[in-house]
Protein backbone atom coordinates (compact mmCIF):
# COMPACT_ATOMS: atom_id res chain seq x y z
CA UNK A 1 0.15 -0.13 -0.12
CA UNK A 2 2.90 2.03 0.58
CA UNK A 3 4.19 1.68 -2.42
CA UNK A 4 0.72 2.27 -4.41
CA UNK A 5 -0.02 5.98 -2.54
CA UNK A 6 4.18 6.65 -3.49
CA UNK A 7 3.68 5.81 -6.67
CA UNK A 8 0.19 7.82 -7.30
CA UNK A 9 1.75 10.85 -5.42
CA UNK A 10 4.50 10.34 -8.25
CA UNK A 11 2.38 10.58 -11.15
CA UNK A 12 0.77 13.61 -9.60
CA UNK A 13 4.37 15.29 -9.08
CA UNK A 14 5.44 14.35 -13.09
CA UNK A 15 2.45 15.22 -14.45
CA UNK A 16 2.38 18.10 -12.50
CA UNK A 17 6.89 18.72 -14.31
CA UNK A 18 5.12 18.34 -17.61
CA UNK A 19 1.94 20.21 -17.99
CA UNK A 20 3.53 23.54 -15.81
CA UNK A 21 6.95 22.77 -17.84
CA UNK A 22 6.86 24.96 -20.53
CA UNK A 23 4.98 27.78 -18.04
CA UNK A 24 8.44 27.37 -15.29
CA UNK A 25 10.70 27.49 -18.36
CA UNK A 26 9.16 30.43 -19.56
CA UNK A 27 9.37 32.27 -16.12
CA UNK A 28 13.48 31.61 -15.28
CA UNK A 29 14.19 32.34 -19.11
CA UNK A 30 12.32 35.29 -18.23
CA UNK A 31 14.22 35.63 -15.41
CA UNK A 32 17.56 34.48 -16.99
CA UNK A 33 16.93 37.73 -20.09
CA UNK A 34 15.69 40.52 -17.78
CA UNK A 35 19.04 40.13 -15.57
CA UNK A 36 20.91 39.63 -18.76
CA UNK A 37 19.00 43.49 -20.10
CA UNK A 38 19.69 44.87 -16.69
CA UNK A 39 23.63 44.56 -16.67
CA UNK A 40 23.61 45.30 -20.38
CA UNK A 41 22.16 48.72 -19.76
CA UNK A 42 24.16 50.11 -16.89
CA UNK A 43 27.51 48.95 -19.10
CA UNK A 44 26.40 50.41 -21.77
CA UNK A 45 25.07 53.57 -19.62
CA UNK A 46 28.30 54.40 -17.96
CA UNK A 47 30.61 54.13 -21.23
CA UNK A 48 28.45 56.40 -22.71
CA UNK A 49 28.42 58.30 -20.41
CA UNK A 50 31.80 58.09 -20.00
CA UNK A 51 32.43 58.96 -23.54
CA UNK A 52 30.42 62.05 -23.13
CA UNK A 53 32.34 63.20 -20.11
CA UNK A 54 35.61 62.87 -22.04
CA UNK A 55 34.28 64.49 -25.18
CA UNK A 56 32.76 67.59 -22.91
CA UNK A 57 36.65 67.81 -21.64
CA UNK A 58 38.03 67.56 -24.96
CA UNK A 59 35.43 70.77 -26.32
CA UNK A 60 36.02 71.99 -23.08
CA UNK A 61 40.09 71.80 -23.89
CA UNK A 62 39.47 73.36 -27.20
CA UNK A 63 37.41 76.65 -26.67
CA UNK A 64 40.23 77.33 -23.53
CA UNK A 65 43.19 76.88 -26.20
CA UNK A 66 40.93 78.72 -28.87
CA UNK A 67 40.64 81.50 -26.59
CA UNK A 68 43.56 81.34 -24.99
CA UNK A 69 45.17 82.25 -28.66
CA UNK A 70 42.81 84.97 -29.31
CA UNK A 71 44.22 86.70 -26.60
CA UNK A 72 47.08 85.82 -26.51
CA UNK A 73 47.27 87.21 -29.94
CA UNK A 74 45.35 90.80 -29.45
CA UNK A 75 47.96 90.99 -26.20
CA UNK A 76 51.24 90.39 -28.60
CA UNK A 77 49.26 93.66 -31.11
CA UNK A 78 48.39 95.92 -28.69
CA UNK A 79 51.96 95.17 -27.48
CA UNK A 80 52.94 95.63 -30.55
CA UNK A 81 51.56 98.50 -30.92
CA UNK A 82 52.03 100.59 -27.93
CA UNK A 83 56.01 99.80 -29.29
CA UNK A 84 55.33 100.71 -33.03
CA UNK A 85 53.57 104.43 -31.65
CA UNK A 86 56.80 104.49 -29.11
CA UNK A 87 59.39 104.85 -31.62
CA UNK A 88 60.87 107.78 -32.54
CA UNK A 89 62.29 106.72 -35.00
CA UNK A 90 59.11 105.16 -36.55
CA UNK A 91 57.57 108.77 -35.96
CA UNK A 92 59.65 110.15 -38.66
CA UNK A 93 58.54 107.41 -40.85
CA UNK A 94 56.37 108.69 -44.28
CA UNK A 95 52.63 107.61 -43.15
CA UNK A 96 52.76 104.70 -46.31
CA UNK A 97 55.75 103.11 -44.79
CA UNK A 98 54.00 103.36 -41.42
CA UNK A 99 50.96 101.59 -42.78
CA UNK A 100 53.03 98.87 -44.01
CA UNK A 101 54.79 98.30 -40.56
CA UNK A 102 51.00 98.01 -39.18
CA UNK A 103 49.92 95.75 -41.95
CA UNK A 104 53.13 92.92 -41.36
CA UNK A 105 52.03 93.81 -37.37
CA UNK A 106 48.67 92.08 -38.23
CA UNK A 107 50.13 89.73 -40.65
CA UNK A 108 51.71 87.70 -37.98
CA UNK A 109 48.11 87.51 -35.91
CA UNK A 110 45.68 84.77 -37.68
CA UNK A 111 42.98 85.84 -35.36
CA UNK A 112 43.14 90.07 -35.93
CA UNK A 113 42.51 91.18 -39.29
CA UNK A 114 42.94 94.49 -38.96
CA UNK A 115 44.20 97.26 -36.95
CA UNK A 116 43.94 101.60 -36.88
CA UNK A 117 45.54 103.98 -34.92
CA UNK A 118 43.14 107.45 -34.49
CA UNK A 119 44.62 110.61 -33.35
CA UNK A 120 42.58 112.40 -30.90
CA UNK A 121 39.75 113.87 -33.10
CA UNK A 122 39.08 110.29 -34.15
CA UNK A 123 41.14 110.60 -37.60
CA UNK A 124 42.86 107.23 -38.95
CA UNK A 125 46.41 108.33 -38.87
CA UNK A 126 47.79 104.89 -39.64
CA UNK A 127 45.74 101.52 -40.54
CA UNK A 128 46.79 97.99 -41.93
CA UNK A 129 44.90 98.59 -45.07
CA UNK A 130 46.57 100.62 -46.35
CA UNK A 131 46.41 104.65 -46.81
CA UNK A 132 43.39 106.35 -44.64
CA UNK A 133 40.83 108.34 -46.44
CA UNK A 134 38.48 111.11 -45.52
CA UNK A 135 35.56 108.36 -44.92
CA UNK A 136 37.21 106.55 -41.98
CA UNK A 137 37.37 109.35 -39.39
CA UNK A 138 35.34 108.33 -36.73
CA UNK A 139 35.97 111.34 -34.25
CA UNK A 140 31.58 111.21 -34.58
CA UNK A 141 30.83 107.62 -33.97
CA UNK A 142 29.11 106.47 -30.81
CA UNK A 143 31.56 104.46 -29.63
CA UNK A 144 34.59 107.00 -29.63
């Protein structure tokens, strides 16, 4: 009798497994896929975040370098201008020669396109663009 009950319980368990095996299998596969996708998404999230940070740092480095080059150019051109205007030997040169000196100063710096020296009244005295004309007077401009 003991074996009959055991045999019946065994058959019930086998039948339970046979009927529910696809459901159990799908449940286990679903849990495994969820764990895999969770780890996969966090891995690629961290990777994308690290790449974004690296690109942002590179962009900031380039901007800082570019801005520092621009300020260096302006600083150098201003120092050269002070030296040009303060030299007594250059003050005695004719105006076309002074204009050529100014245009050569501008050629050395890629961020500076032109330079113009004005007198007290706003009239152009030295210009890197060539001979100053009457139209280039800035004495009546708002910013002067």
